[in-house]
Amino acid sequence: MAKGDIDLDTATVKAMLTTNSYSENKDHDRRDDVTNEITATGYTAGGVTITPTVSAVDTANDRVTITLPAATWSGFTGTARRLVYYVSTGTAANDNLIACVDFGSDVTRTAQTFEVSASTITIQN
């Protein structure tokens, strides 16, 4: 899959959490560029599968608006700083990154539900 070739109708999209030691970078394009994924109770490496929807397609301006639904982990005990959305192929070196959400500070939960609200992004082609 080349950059920009993401078919959200068929792709498996996941949301994973990282520690504050990961810093997003415009040169990061694959999941293997993402470091410091969290380890926590109630969290599985690689994150959770979500089902995004295409909210709007603007062919005149070559852009698409995508809604990424909430990502939720039950019985979560741990700390996270960022959430990274990516297309999962099963191989980190081939998994295209979509977006990164920085919470602004560490978020800690103890035996609670950890939920990141839905995000809407616009991608310019």
PDB file of N, CA and C in Angstrom:
ATOM      1  N   MET A   1       0.843  -1.174   0.000  1.00  0.00           N
ATOM      2  CA  MET A   1       0.000   0.000   0.000  1.00  0.00           C
ATOM      3  C   MET A   1       0.888   1.236   0.000  1.00  0.00           C
ATOM      4  N   ALA A   2       0.686   2.096  -0.920  1.00  0.00           N
ATOM      5  CA  ALA A   2       1.446   3.342  -1.006  1.00  0.00           C
ATOM      6  C   ALA A   2       0.800   4.396  -0.121  1.00  0.00           C
ATOM      7  N   LYS A   3       1.562   5.413   0.217  1.00  0.00           N
ATOM      8  CA  LYS A   3       0.998   6.519   0.988  1.00  0.00           C
ATOM      9  C   LYS A   3      -0.216   7.060   0.261  1.00  0.00           C
ATOM     10  N   GLY A   4      -1.278   7.303   1.009  1.00  0.00           N
ATOM     11  CA  GLY A   4      -2.484   7.849   0.412  1.00  0.00           C
ATOM     12  C   GLY A   4      -3.445   6.809  -0.124  1.00  0.00           C
ATOM     13  N   ASP A   5      -3.031   5.551  -0.177  1.00  0.00           N
ATOM     14  CA  ASP A   5      -3.882   4.492  -0.704  1.00  0.00           C
ATOM     15  C   ASP A   5      -4.586   3.746   0.420  1.00  0.00           C
ATOM     16  N   ILE A   6      -5.443   4.436   1.145  1.00  0.00           N
ATOM     17  CA  ILE A   6      -6.164   3.814   2.242  1.00  0.00           C
ATOM     18  C   ILE A   6      -7.634   3.766   1.867  1.00  0.00           C
ATOM     19  N   ASP A   7      -8.176   2.561   1.754  1.00  0.00           N
ATOM     20  CA  ASP A   7      -9.590   2.378   1.461  1.00  0.00           C
ATOM     21  C   ASP A   7     -10.284   2.047   2.778  1.00  0.00           C
ATOM     22  N   LEU A   8     -10.923   3.037   3.370  1.00  0.00           N
ATOM     23  CA  LEU A   8     -11.533   2.847   4.680  1.00  0.00           C
ATOM     24  C   LEU A   8     -12.724   1.900   4.656  1.00  0.00           C
ATOM     25  N   ASP A   9     -13.233   1.580   3.464  1.00  0.00           N
ATOM     26  CA  ASP A   9     -14.325   0.612   3.369  1.00  0.00           C
ATOM     27  C   ASP A   9     -13.843  -0.812   3.613  1.00  0.00           C
ATOM     28  N   THR A  10     -12.567  -1.063   3.365  1.00  0.00           N
ATOM     29  CA  THR A  10     -12.049  -2.428   3.497  1.00  0.00           C
ATOM     30  C   THR A  10     -10.892  -2.551   4.485  1.00  0.00           C
ATOM     31  N   ALA A  11     -10.292  -1.445   4.881  1.00  0.00           N
ATOM     32  CA  ALA A  11      -9.107  -1.473   5.752  1.00  0.00           C
ATOM     33  C   ALA A  11      -9.488  -1.828   7.192  1.00  0.00           C
ATOM     34  N   THR A  12      -8.568  -2.493   7.865  1.00  0.00           N
ATOM     35  CA  THR A  12      -8.688  -2.707   9.309  1.00  0.00           C
ATOM     36  C   THR A  12      -7.937  -1.568   9.981  1.00  0.00           C
ATOM     37  N   VAL A  13      -8.664  -0.722  10.700  1.00  0.00           N
ATOM     38  CA  VAL A  13      -8.065   0.439  11.352  1.00  0.00           C
ATOM     39  C   VAL A  13      -8.010   0.181  12.851  1.00  0.00           C
ATOM     40  N   LYS A  14      -6.876   0.529  13.445  1.00  0.00           N
ATOM     41  CA  LYS A  14      -6.697   0.324  14.880  1.00  0.00           C
ATOM     42  C   LYS A  14      -6.262   1.618  15.556  1.00  0.00           C
ATOM     43  N   ALA A  15      -6.479   1.657  16.864  1.00  0.00           N
ATOM     44  CA  ALA A  15      -6.059   2.764  17.699  1.00  0.00           C
ATOM     45  C   ALA A  15      -5.188   2.193  18.809  1.00  0.00           C
ATOM     46  N   MET A  16      -3.953   2.700  18.908  1.00  0.00           N
ATOM     47  CA  MET A  16      -3.036   2.226  19.941  1.00  0.00           C
ATOM     48  C   MET A  16      -2.591   3.380  20.826  1.00  0.00           C
ATOM     49  N   LEU A  17      -2.181   3.068  22.034  1.00  0.00           N
ATOM     50  CA  LEU A  17      -1.754   4.075  22.994  1.00  0.00           C
ATOM     51  C   LEU A  17      -0.246   4.046  23.182  1.00  0.00           C
ATOM     52  N   THR A  18       0.332   5.232  23.399  1.00  0.00           N
ATOM     53  CA  THR A  18       1.768   5.329  23.664  1.00  0.00           C
ATOM     54  C   THR A  18       2.002   6.109  24.957  1.00  0.00           C
ATOM     55  N   THR A  19       3.223   6.010  25.447  1.00  0.00           N
ATOM     56  CA  THR A  19       3.634   6.773  26.621  1.00  0.00           C
ATOM     57  C   THR A  19       4.030   8.179  26.201  1.00  0.00           C
ATOM     58  N   ASN A  20       4.423   8.984  27.170  1.00  0.00           N
ATOM     59  CA  ASN A  20       4.885  10.333  26.866  1.00  0.00           C
ATOM     60  C   ASN A  20       6.269  10.347  26.225  1.00  0.00           C
ATOM     61  N   SER A  21       6.908   9.189  26.137  1.00  0.00           N
ATOM     62  CA  SER A  21       8.233   9.115  25.505  1.00  0.00           C
ATOM     63  C   SER A  21       8.163   9.082  23.981  1.00  0.00           C
ATOM     64  N   TYR A  22       6.973   8.843  23.435  1.00  0.00           N
ATOM     65  CA  TYR A  22       6.824   8.893  21.971  1.00  0.00           C
ATOM     66  C   TYR A  22       6.473  10.308  21.564  1.00  0.00           C
ATOM     67  N   SER A  23       7.149  10.815  20.554  1.00  0.00           N
ATOM     68  CA  SER A  23       6.828  12.116  19.980  1.00  0.00           C
ATOM     69  C   SER A  23       6.483  11.927  18.515  1.00  0.00           C
ATOM     70  N   GLU A  24       5.289  12.367  18.144  1.00  0.00           N
ATOM     71  CA  GLU A  24       4.889  12.256  16.745  1.00  0.00           C
ATOM     72  C   GLU A  24       5.831  13.084  15.884  1.00  0.00           C
ATOM     73  N   ASN A  25       5.967  12.647  14.645  1.00  0.00           N
ATOM     74  CA  ASN A  25       6.915  13.275  13.736  1.00  0.00           C
ATOM     75  C   ASN A  25       6.350  13.161  12.330  1.00  0.00           C
ATOM     76  N   LYS A  26       6.432  14.232  11.544  1.00  0.00           N
ATOM     77  CA  LYS A  26       5.880  14.207  10.182  1.00  0.00           C
ATOM     78  C   LYS A  26       6.532  13.155   9.303  1.00  0.00           C
ATOM     79  N   ASP A  27       7.720  12.691   9.666  1.00  0.00           N
ATOM     80  CA  ASP A  27       8.396  11.657   8.892  1.00  0.00           C
ATOM     81  C   ASP A  27       7.960  10.247   9.280  1.00  0.00           C
ATOM     82  N   HIS A  28       7.164  10.109  10.331  1.00  0.00           N
ATOM     83  CA  HIS A  28       6.646   8.797  10.731  1.00  0.00           C
ATOM     84  C   HIS A  28       5.478   8.446   9.816  1.00  0.00           C
ATOM     85  N   ASP A  29       5.622   7.366   9.079  1.00  0.00           N
ATOM     86  CA  ASP A  29       4.550   6.969   8.182  1.00  0.00           C
ATOM     87  C   ASP A  29       4.071   5.549   8.401  1.00  0.00           C
ATOM     88  N   ARG A  30       4.814   4.746   9.149  1.00  0.00           N
ATOM     89  CA  ARG A  30       4.454   3.353   9.414  1.00  0.00           C
ATOM     90  C   ARG A  30       4.444   3.100  10.928  1.00  0.00           C
ATOM     91  N   ARG A  31       3.712   2.075  11.330  1.00  0.00           N
ATOM     92  CA  ARG A  31       3.609   1.768  12.757  1.00  0.00           C
ATOM     93  C   ARG A  31       4.953   1.435  13.375  1.00  0.00           C
ATOM     94  N   ASP A  32       5.889   0.892  12.606  1.00  0.00           N
ATOM     95  CA  ASP A  32       7.200   0.587  13.194  1.00  0.00           C
ATOM     96  C   ASP A  32       7.997   1.854  13.518  1.00  0.00           C
ATOM     97  N   ASP A  33       7.515   3.029  13.096  1.00  0.00           N
ATOM     98  CA  ASP A  33       8.131   4.301  13.495  1.00  0.00           C
ATOM     99  C   ASP A  33       7.652   4.748  14.879  1.00  0.00           C
ATOM    100  N   VAL A  34       6.560   4.168  15.340  1.00  0.00           N
ATOM    101  CA  VAL A  34       5.973   4.545  16.629  1.00  0.00           C
ATOM    102  C   VAL A  34       6.668   3.761  17.733  1.00  0.00           C
ATOM    103  N   THR A  35       7.217   4.495  18.694  1.00  0.00           N
ATOM    104  CA  THR A  35       7.916   3.865  19.810  1.00  0.00           C
ATOM    105  C   THR A  35       7.113   4.025  21.092  1.00  0.00           C
ATOM    106  N   ASN A  36       7.472   3.248  22.078  1.00  0.00           N
ATOM    107  CA  ASN A  36       6.923   3.374  23.432  1.00  0.00           C
ATOM    108  C   ASN A  36       5.417   3.150  23.529  1.00  0.00           C
ATOM    109  N   GLU A  37       4.932   2.104  22.859  1.00  0.00           N
ATOM    110  CA  GLU A  37       3.544   1.702  23.085  1.00  0.00           C
ATOM    111  C   GLU A  37       3.414   1.310  24.554  1.00  0.00           C
ATOM    112  N   ILE A  38       2.271   1.632  25.153  1.00  0.00           N
ATOM    113  CA  ILE A  38       2.108   1.344  26.571  1.00  0.00           C
ATOM    114  C   ILE A  38       1.957  -0.154  26.821  1.00  0.00           C
ATOM    115  N   THR A  39       2.210  -0.541  28.051  1.00  0.00           N
ATOM    116  CA  THR A  39       1.807  -1.843  28.566  1.00  0.00           C
ATOM    117  C   THR A  39       0.928  -1.528  29.771  1.00  0.00           C
ATOM    118  N   ALA A  40      -0.244  -2.122  29.820  1.00  0.00           N
ATOM    119  CA  ALA A  40      -1.191  -1.821  30.891  1.00  0.00           C
ATOM    120  C   ALA A  40      -2.183  -2.964  31.024  1.00  0.00           C
ATOM    121  N   THR A  41      -2.774  -3.077  32.188  1.00  0.00           N
ATOM    122  CA  THR A  41      -3.855  -4.029  32.406  1.00  0.00           C
ATOM    123  C   THR A  41      -5.057  -3.574  31.590  1.00  0.00           C
ATOM    124  N   GLY A  42      -5.680  -4.493  30.875  1.00  0.00           N
ATOM    125  CA  GLY A  42      -6.835  -4.158  30.061  1.00  0.00           C
ATOM    126  C   GLY A  42      -6.479  -3.622  28.688  1.00  0.00           C
ATOM    127  N   TYR A  43      -5.194  -3.632  28.364  1.00  0.00           N
ATOM    128  CA  TYR A  43      -4.728  -3.129  27.071  1.00  0.00           C
ATOM    129  C   TYR A  43      -3.977  -4.242  26.354  1.00  0.00           C
ATOM    130  N   THR A  44      -4.293  -4.457  25.087  1.00  0.00           N
ATOM    131  CA  THR A  44      -3.609  -5.448  24.270  1.00  0.00           C
ATOM    132  C   THR A  44      -2.692  -4.736  23.295  1.00  0.00           C
ATOM    133  N   ALA A  45      -1.453  -5.209  23.185  1.00  0.00           N
ATOM    134  CA  ALA A  45      -0.491  -4.606  22.252  1.00  0.00           C
ATOM    135  C   ALA A  45      -1.111  -4.491  20.869  1.00  0.00           C
ATOM    136  N   GLY A  46      -0.884  -3.352  20.241  1.00  0.00           N
ATOM    137  CA  GLY A  46      -1.455  -3.085  18.922  1.00  0.00           C
ATOM    138  C   GLY A  46      -2.747  -2.300  18.990  1.00  0.00           C
ATOM    139  N   GLY A  47      -3.365  -2.246  20.173  1.00  0.00           N
ATOM    140  CA  GLY A  47      -4.567  -1.445  20.349  1.00  0.00           C
ATOM    141  C   GLY A  47      -5.854  -2.158  19.994  1.00  0.00           C
ATOM    142  N   VAL A  48      -6.898  -1.369  19.765  1.00  0.00           N
ATOM    143  CA  VAL A  48      -8.230  -1.895  19.460  1.00  0.00           C
ATOM    144  C   VAL A  48      -8.622  -1.542  18.031  1.00  0.00           C
ATOM    145  N   THR A  49      -9.464  -2.386  17.456  1.00  0.00           N
ATOM    146  CA  THR A  49      -9.985  -2.134  16.115  1.00  0.00           C
ATOM    147  C   THR A  49     -11.147  -1.152  16.206  1.00  0.00           C
ATOM    148  N   ILE A  50     -11.154  -0.186  15.321  1.00  0.00           N
ATOM    149  CA  ILE A  50     -12.241   0.786  15.226  1.00  0.00           C
ATOM    150  C   ILE A  50     -12.762   0.785  13.788  1.00  0.00           C
ATOM    151  N   THR A  51     -13.930   1.356  13.594  1.00  0.00           N
ATOM    152  CA  THR A  51     -14.502   1.422  12.248  1.00  0.00           C
ATOM    153  C   THR A  51     -14.754   2.879  11.880  1.00  0.00           C
ATOM    154  N   PRO A  52     -13.809   3.488  11.148  1.00  0.00           N
ATOM    155  CA  PRO A  52     -13.981   4.888  10.749  1.00  0.00           C
ATOM    156  C   PRO A  52     -15.039   5.020   9.658  1.00  0.00           C
ATOM    157  N   THR A  53     -15.548   6.241   9.506  1.00  0.00           N
ATOM    158  CA  THR A  53     -16.481   6.522   8.423  1.00  0.00           C
ATOM    159  C   THR A  53     -16.019   7.766   7.679  1.00  0.00           C
ATOM    160  N   VAL A  54     -16.277   7.772   6.404  1.00  0.00           N
ATOM    161  CA  VAL A  54     -15.978   8.947   5.587  1.00  0.00           C
ATOM    162  C   VAL A  54     -17.169   9.883   5.735  1.00  0.00           C
ATOM    163  N   SER A  55     -16.927  11.046   6.343  1.00  0.00           N
ATOM    164  CA  SER A  55     -18.000  12.002   6.621  1.00  0.00           C
ATOM    165  C   SER A  55     -18.304  12.884   5.420  1.00  0.00           C
ATOM    166  N   ALA A  56     -17.256  13.241   4.670  1.00  0.00           N
ATOM    167  CA  ALA A  56     -17.449  14.120   3.516  1.00  0.00           C
ATOM    168  C   ALA A  56     -16.296  13.957   2.541  1.00  0.00           C
ATOM    169  N   VAL A  57     -16.628  14.007   1.258  1.00  0.00           N
ATOM    170  CA  VAL A  57     -15.618  13.973   0.206  1.00  0.00           C
ATOM    171  C   VAL A  57     -15.757  15.266  -0.589  1.00  0.00           C
ATOM    172  N   ASP A  58     -14.655  16.007  -0.666  1.00  0.00           N
ATOM    173  CA  ASP A  58     -14.635  17.278  -1.386  1.00  0.00           C
ATOM    174  C   ASP A  58     -13.718  17.101  -2.595  1.00  0.00           C
ATOM    175  N   THR A  59     -14.296  16.691  -3.724  1.00  0.00           N
ATOM    176  CA  THR A  59     -13.488  16.428  -4.913  1.00  0.00           C
ATOM    177  C   THR A  59     -12.951  17.713  -5.540  1.00  0.00           C
ATOM    178  N   ALA A  60     -13.637  18.818  -5.348  1.00  0.00           N
ATOM    179  CA  ALA A  60     -13.180  20.095  -5.912  1.00  0.00           C
ATOM    180  C   ALA A  60     -11.871  20.541  -5.270  1.00  0.00           C
ATOM    181  N   ASN A  61     -11.703  20.230  -3.982  1.00  0.00           N
ATOM    182  CA  ASN A  61     -10.500  20.645  -3.257  1.00  0.00           C
ATOM    183  C   ASN A  61      -9.602  19.473  -2.870  1.00  0.00           C
ATOM    184  N   ASP A  62      -9.907  18.297  -3.402  1.00  0.00           N
ATOM    185  CA  ASP A  62      -9.104  17.087  -3.161  1.00  0.00           C
ATOM    186  C   ASP A  62      -8.870  16.811  -1.683  1.00  0.00           C
ATOM    187  N   ARG A  63      -9.955  16.717  -0.927  1.00  0.00           N
ATOM    188  CA  ARG A  63      -9.814  16.386   0.491  1.00  0.00           C
ATOM    189  C   ARG A  63     -10.998  15.531   0.943  1.00  0.00           C
ATOM    190  N   VAL A  64     -10.749  14.819   2.024  1.00  0.00           N
ATOM    191  CA  VAL A  64     -11.770  13.946   2.592  1.00  0.00           C
ATOM    192  C   VAL A  64     -11.790  14.155   4.110  1.00  0.00           C
ATOM    193  N   THR A  65     -13.003  14.151   4.667  1.00  0.00           N
ATOM    194  CA  THR A  65     -13.156  14.269   6.109  1.00  0.00           C
ATOM    195  C   THR A  65     -13.569  12.898   6.646  1.00  0.00           C
ATOM    196  N   ILE A  66     -12.862  12.461   7.679  1.00  0.00           N
ATOM    197  CA  ILE A  66     -13.047  11.123   8.237  1.00  0.00           C
ATOM    198  C   ILE A  66     -13.389  11.248   9.717  1.00  0.00           C
ATOM    199  N   THR A  67     -14.361  10.471  10.159  1.00  0.00           N
ATOM    200  CA  THR A  67     -14.670  10.384  11.580  1.00  0.00           C
ATOM    201  C   THR A  67     -14.090   9.082  12.118  1.00  0.00           C
ATOM    202  N   LEU A  68     -13.221   9.212  13.119  1.00  0.00           N
ATOM    203  CA  LEU A  68     -12.621   8.070  13.791  1.00  0.00           C
ATOM    204  C   LEU A  68     -13.369   7.905  15.108  1.00  0.00           C
ATOM    205  N   PRO A  69     -14.089   6.789  15.290  1.00  0.00           N
ATOM    206  CA  PRO A  69     -14.932   6.640  16.469  1.00  0.00           C
ATOM    207  C   PRO A  69     -14.119   6.523  17.760  1.00  0.00           C
ATOM    208  N   ALA A  70     -14.811   6.618  18.875  1.00  0.00           N
ATOM    209  CA  ALA A  70     -14.159   6.480  20.179  1.00  0.00           C
ATOM    210  C   ALA A  70     -13.436   5.136  20.268  1.00  0.00           C
ATOM    211  N   ALA A  71     -12.304   5.155  20.955  1.00  0.00           N
ATOM    212  CA  ALA A  71     -11.554   3.930  21.243  1.00  0.00           C
ATOM    213  C   ALA A  71     -11.675   3.693  22.743  1.00  0.00           C
ATOM    214  N   THR A  72     -12.020   2.469  23.132  1.00  0.00           N
ATOM    215  CA  THR A  72     -12.320   2.179  24.528  1.00  0.00           C
ATOM    216  C   THR A  72     -11.611   0.923  25.004  1.00  0.00           C
ATOM    217  N   TRP A  73     -11.088   1.010  26.232  1.00  0.00           N
ATOM    218  CA  TRP A  73     -10.483  -0.139  26.905  1.00  0.00           C
ATOM    219  C   TRP A  73     -11.146  -0.269  28.273  1.00  0.00           C
ATOM    220  N   SER A  74     -11.698  -1.445  28.584  1.00  0.00           N
ATOM    221  CA  SER A  74     -12.354  -1.681  29.874  1.00  0.00           C
ATOM    222  C   SER A  74     -11.360  -2.240  30.878  1.00  0.00           C
ATOM    223  N   GLY A  75     -11.595  -1.981  32.155  1.00  0.00           N
ATOM    224  CA  GLY A  75     -10.736  -2.508  33.213  1.00  0.00           C
ATOM    225  C   GLY A  75      -9.296  -2.074  33.065  1.00  0.00           C
ATOM    226  N   PHE A  76      -9.100  -0.851  32.608  1.00  0.00           N
ATOM    227  CA  PHE A  76      -7.771  -0.339  32.274  1.00  0.00           C
ATOM    228  C   PHE A  76      -7.059   0.175  33.524  1.00  0.00           C
ATOM    229  N   THR A  77      -5.820  -0.275  33.703  1.00  0.00           N
ATOM    230  CA  THR A  77      -4.945   0.275  34.736  1.00  0.00           C
ATOM    231  C   THR A  77      -3.627   0.606  34.063  1.00  0.00           C
ATOM    232  N   GLY A  78      -3.343   1.900  33.941  1.00  0.00           N
ATOM    233  CA  GLY A  78      -2.111   2.323  33.284  1.00  0.00           C
ATOM    234  C   GLY A  78      -2.131   3.808  32.991  1.00  0.00           C
ATOM    235  N   THR A  79      -1.105   4.238  32.249  1.00  0.00           N
ATOM    236  CA  THR A  79      -0.947   5.644  31.890  1.00  0.00           C
ATOM    237  C   THR A  79      -0.634   5.749  30.403  1.00  0.00           C
ATOM    238  N   ALA A  80      -1.283   6.691  29.734  1.00  0.00           N
ATOM    239  CA  ALA A  80      -1.035   6.931  28.305  1.00  0.00           C
ATOM    240  C   ALA A  80      -0.958   8.433  28.058  1.00  0.00           C
ATOM    241  N   ARG A  81      -0.268   8.793  26.970  1.00  0.00           N
ATOM    242  CA  ARG A  81      -0.142  10.203  26.586  1.00  0.00           C
ATOM    243  C   ARG A  81      -0.698  10.482  25.188  1.00  0.00           C
ATOM    244  N   ARG A  82      -0.576   9.496  24.291  1.00  0.00           N
ATOM    245  CA  ARG A  82      -1.018   9.705  22.909  1.00  0.00           C
ATOM    246  C   ARG A  82      -1.771   8.487  22.391  1.00  0.00           C
ATOM    247  N   LEU A  83      -2.642   8.749  21.415  1.00  0.00           N
ATOM    248  CA  LEU A  83      -3.343   7.690  20.711  1.00  0.00           C
ATOM    249  C   LEU A  83      -2.947   7.794  19.244  1.00  0.00           C
ATOM    250  N   VAL A  84      -2.564   6.681  18.648  1.00  0.00           N
ATOM    251  CA  VAL A  84      -2.139   6.650  17.253  1.00  0.00           C
ATOM    252  C   VAL A  84      -3.113   5.764  16.475  1.00  0.00           C
ATOM    253  N   TYR A  85      -3.690   6.330  15.409  1.00  0.00           N
ATOM    254  CA  TYR A  85      -4.557   5.578  14.506  1.00  0.00           C
ATOM    255  C   TYR A  85      -3.719   5.061  13.343  1.00  0.00           C
ATOM    256  N   TYR A  86      -3.958   3.810  12.954  1.00  0.00           N
ATOM    257  CA  TYR A  86      -3.212   3.242  11.831  1.00  0.00           C
ATOM    258  C   TYR A  86      -4.017   2.166  11.124  1.00  0.00           C
ATOM    259  N   VAL A  87      -3.614   1.869   9.879  1.00  0.00           N
ATOM    260  CA  VAL A  87      -4.201   0.780   9.112  1.00  0.00           C
ATOM    261  C   VAL A  87      -3.382  -0.469   9.404  1.00  0.00           C
ATOM    262  N   SER A  88      -4.045  -1.490   9.919  1.00  0.00           N
ATOM    263  CA  SER A  88      -3.358  -2.714  10.314  1.00  0.00           C
ATOM    264  C   SER A  88      -3.312  -3.717   9.158  1.00  0.00           C
ATOM    265  N   THR A  89      -2.091  -4.142   8.845  1.00  0.00           N
ATOM    266  CA  THR A  89      -1.895  -5.205   7.856  1.00  0.00           C
ATOM    267  C   THR A  89      -1.386  -6.472   8.531  1.00  0.00           C
ATOM    268  N   GLY A  90      -1.057  -6.332   9.826  1.00  0.00           N
ATOM    269  CA  GLY A  90      -0.481  -7.450  10.566  1.00  0.00           C
ATOM    270  C   GLY A  90       1.026  -7.364  10.679  1.00  0.00           C
ATOM    271  N   THR A  91       1.628  -6.420   9.962  1.00  0.00           N
ATOM    272  CA  THR A  91       3.076  -6.222   9.993  1.00  0.00           C
ATOM    273  C   THR A  91       3.351  -4.738  10.214  1.00  0.00           C
ATOM    274  N   ALA A  92       4.004  -4.405  11.343  1.00  0.00           N
ATOM    275  CA  ALA A  92       4.229  -3.007  11.711  1.00  0.00           C
ATOM    276  C   ALA A  92       4.922  -2.207  10.614  1.00  0.00           C
ATOM    277  N   ALA A  93       5.839  -2.831   9.881  1.00  0.00           N
ATOM    278  CA  ALA A  93       6.570  -2.125   8.827  1.00  0.00           C
ATOM    279  C   ALA A  93       5.671  -1.762   7.646  1.00  0.00           C
ATOM    280  N   ASN A  94       4.490  -2.390   7.551  1.00  0.00           N
ATOM    281  CA  ASN A  94       3.561  -2.121   6.452  1.00  0.00           C
ATOM    282  C   ASN A  94       2.313  -1.360   6.889  1.00  0.00           C
ATOM    283  N   ASP A  95       2.160  -1.114   8.201  1.00  0.00           N
ATOM    284  CA  ASP A  95       0.966  -0.463   8.722  1.00  0.00           C
ATOM    285  C   ASP A  95       1.065   1.056   8.563  1.00  0.00           C
ATOM    286  N   ASN A  96       0.227   1.630   7.701  1.00  0.00           N
ATOM    287  CA  ASN A  96       0.222   3.080   7.459  1.00  0.00           C
ATOM    288  C   ASN A  96      -0.401   3.829   8.633  1.00  0.00           C
ATOM    289  N   LEU A  97       0.278   4.885   9.074  1.00  0.00           N
ATOM    290  CA  LEU A  97      -0.266   5.743  10.116  1.00  0.00           C
ATOM    291  C   LEU A  97      -1.300   6.679   9.509  1.00  0.00           C
ATOM    292  N   ILE A  98      -2.335   6.980  10.295  1.00  0.00           N
ATOM    293  CA  ILE A  98      -3.378   7.896   9.852  1.00  0.00           C
ATOM    294  C   ILE A  98      -3.297   9.210  10.615  1.00  0.00           C
ATOM    295  N   ALA A  99      -3.252   9.129  11.944  1.00  0.00           N
ATOM    296  CA  ALA A  99      -3.259  10.338  12.763  1.00  0.00           C
ATOM    297  C   ALA A  99      -2.770  10.021  14.162  1.00  0.00           C
ATOM    298  N   CYS A 100      -2.375  11.080  14.881  1.00  0.00           N
ATOM    299  CA  CYS A 100      -1.939  10.953  16.266  1.00  0.00           C
ATOM    300  C   CYS A 100      -2.649  12.024  17.092  1.00  0.00           C
ATOM    301  N   VAL A 101      -3.196  11.620  18.237  1.00  0.00           N
ATOM    302  CA  VAL A 101      -3.859  12.549  19.153  1.00  0.00           C
ATOM    303  C   VAL A 101      -3.010  12.633  20.420  1.00  0.00           C
ATOM    304  N   ASP A 102      -2.571  13.851  20.749  1.00  0.00           N
ATOM    305  CA  ASP A 102      -1.808  14.094  21.976  1.00  0.00           C
ATOM    306  C   ASP A 102      -2.802  14.594  23.021  1.00  0.00           C
ATOM    307  N   PHE A 103      -2.859  13.937  24.173  1.00  0.00           N
ATOM    308  CA  PHE A 103      -3.808  14.311  25.216  1.00  0.00           C
ATOM    309  C   PHE A 103      -3.400  15.583  25.960  1.00  0.00           C
ATOM    310  N   GLY A 104      -2.182  16.063  25.738  1.00  0.00           N
ATOM    311  CA  GLY A 104      -1.707  17.272  26.398  1.00  0.00           C
ATOM    312  C   GLY A 104      -0.981  17.009  27.704  1.00  0.00           C
ATOM    313  N   SER A 105      -1.289  15.885  28.324  1.00  0.00           N
ATOM    314  CA  SER A 105      -0.597  15.437  29.531  1.00  0.00           C
ATOM    315  C   SER A 105      -0.896  13.950  29.699  1.00  0.00           C
ATOM    316  N   ASP A 106      -0.164  13.300  30.581  1.00  0.00           N
ATOM    317  CA  ASP A 106      -0.416  11.886  30.840  1.00  0.00           C
ATOM    318  C   ASP A 106      -1.816  11.699  31.417  1.00  0.00           C
ATOM    319  N   VAL A 107      -2.474  10.613  31.009  1.00  0.00           N
ATOM    320  CA  VAL A 107      -3.788  10.255  31.541  1.00  0.00           C
ATOM    321  C   VAL A 107      -3.636   8.891  32.215  1.00  0.00           C
ATOM    322  N   THR A 108      -3.984   8.842  33.504  1.00  0.00           N
ATOM    323  CA  THR A 108      -3.851   7.614  34.283  1.00  0.00           C
ATOM    324  C   THR A 108      -5.223   7.147  34.743  1.00  0.00           C
ATOM    325  N   ARG A 109      -5.454   5.858  34.620  1.00  0.00           N
ATOM    326  CA  ARG A 109      -6.683   5.235  35.097  1.00  0.00           C
ATOM    327  C   ARG A 109      -6.302   4.006  35.914  1.00  0.00           C
ATOM    328  N   THR A 110      -7.105   3.714  36.931  1.00  0.00           N
ATOM    329  CA  THR A 110      -6.901   2.517  37.738  1.00  0.00           C
ATOM    330  C   THR A 110      -8.198   1.725  37.764  1.00  0.00           C
ATOM    331  N   ALA A 111      -8.181   0.567  37.118  1.00  0.00           N
ATOM    332  CA  ALA A 111      -9.339  -0.328  37.046  1.00  0.00           C
ATOM    333  C   ALA A 111     -10.595   0.415  36.597  1.00  0.00           C
ATOM    334  N   GLN A 112     -10.449   1.209  35.543  1.00  0.00           N
ATOM    335  CA  GLN A 112     -11.560   1.992  35.005  1.00  0.00           C
ATOM    336  C   GLN A 112     -11.607   1.812  33.490  1.00  0.00           C
ATOM    337  N   THR A 113     -12.636   2.352  32.894  1.00  0.00           N
ATOM    338  CA  THR A 113     -12.704   2.412  31.437  1.00  0.00           C
ATOM    339  C   THR A 113     -11.860   3.594  30.978  1.00  0.00           C
ATOM    340  N   PHE A 114     -11.028   3.328  29.985  1.00  0.00           N
ATOM    341  CA  PHE A 114     -10.224   4.384  29.361  1.00  0.00           C
ATOM    342  C   PHE A 114     -10.837   4.591  27.986  1.00  0.00           C
ATOM    343  N   GLU A 115     -11.352   5.789  27.741  1.00  0.00           N
ATOM    344  CA  GLU A 115     -11.977   6.060  26.447  1.00  0.00           C
ATOM    345  C   GLU A 115     -11.431   7.344  25.861  1.00  0.00           C
ATOM    346  N   VAL A 116     -11.093   7.274  24.603  1.00  0.00           N
ATOM    347  CA  VAL A 116     -10.684   8.457  23.848  1.00  0.00           C
ATOM    348  C   VAL A 116     -11.857   8.779  22.929  1.00  0.00           C
ATOM    349  N   SER A 117     -12.367   9.986  23.043  1.00  0.00           N
ATOM    350  CA  SER A 117     -13.528  10.414  22.264  1.00  0.00           C
ATOM    351  C   SER A 117     -13.256  10.330  20.768  1.00  0.00           C
ATOM    352  N   ALA A 118     -14.335  10.309  20.017  1.00  0.00           N
ATOM    353  CA  ALA A 118     -14.232  10.288  18.558  1.00  0.00           C
ATOM    354  C   ALA A 118     -13.471  11.519  18.067  1.00  0.00           C
ATOM    355  N   SER A 119     -12.773  11.346  16.954  1.00  0.00           N
ATOM    356  CA  SER A 119     -12.029  12.440  16.327  1.00  0.00           C
ATOM    357  C   SER A 119     -12.476  12.585  14.891  1.00  0.00           C
ATOM    358  N   THR A 120     -12.523  13.808  14.422  1.00  0.00           N
ATOM    359  CA  THR A 120     -12.815  14.065  13.013  1.00  0.00           C
ATOM    360  C   THR A 120     -11.605  14.737  12.422  1.00  0.00           C
ATOM    361  N   ILE A 121     -11.094  14.178  11.313  1.00  0.00           N
ATOM    362  CA  ILE A 121      -9.922  14.732  10.662  1.00  0.00           C
ATOM    363  C   ILE A 121     -10.226  14.971   9.188  1.00  0.00           C
ATOM    364  N   THR A 122      -9.556  15.946   8.616  1.00  0.00           N
ATOM    365  CA  THR A 122      -9.650  16.202   7.184  1.00  0.00           C
ATOM    366  C   THR A 122      -8.274  15.981   6.585  1.00  0.00           C
ATOM    367  N   ILE A 123      -8.224  15.170   5.551  1.00  0.00           N
ATOM    368  CA  ILE A 123      -6.963  14.851   4.882  1.00  0.00           C
ATOM    369  C   ILE A 123      -6.981  15.496   3.504  1.00  0.00           C
ATOM    370  N   GLN A 124      -5.960  16.269   3.236  1.00  0.00           N
ATOM    371  CA  GLN A 124      -5.804  16.932   1.944  1.00  0.00           C
ATOM    372  C   GLN A 124      -4.942  16.047   1.057  1.00  0.00           C
ATOM    373  N   ASN A 125      -5.364  15.851  -0.173  1.00  0.00           N
ATOM    374  CA  ASN A 125      -4.578  15.039  -1.107  1.00  0.00           C
ATOM    375  C   ASN A 125      -3.697  15.929  -1.952  1.00  0.00           C
TER     376      ASN A 125
END
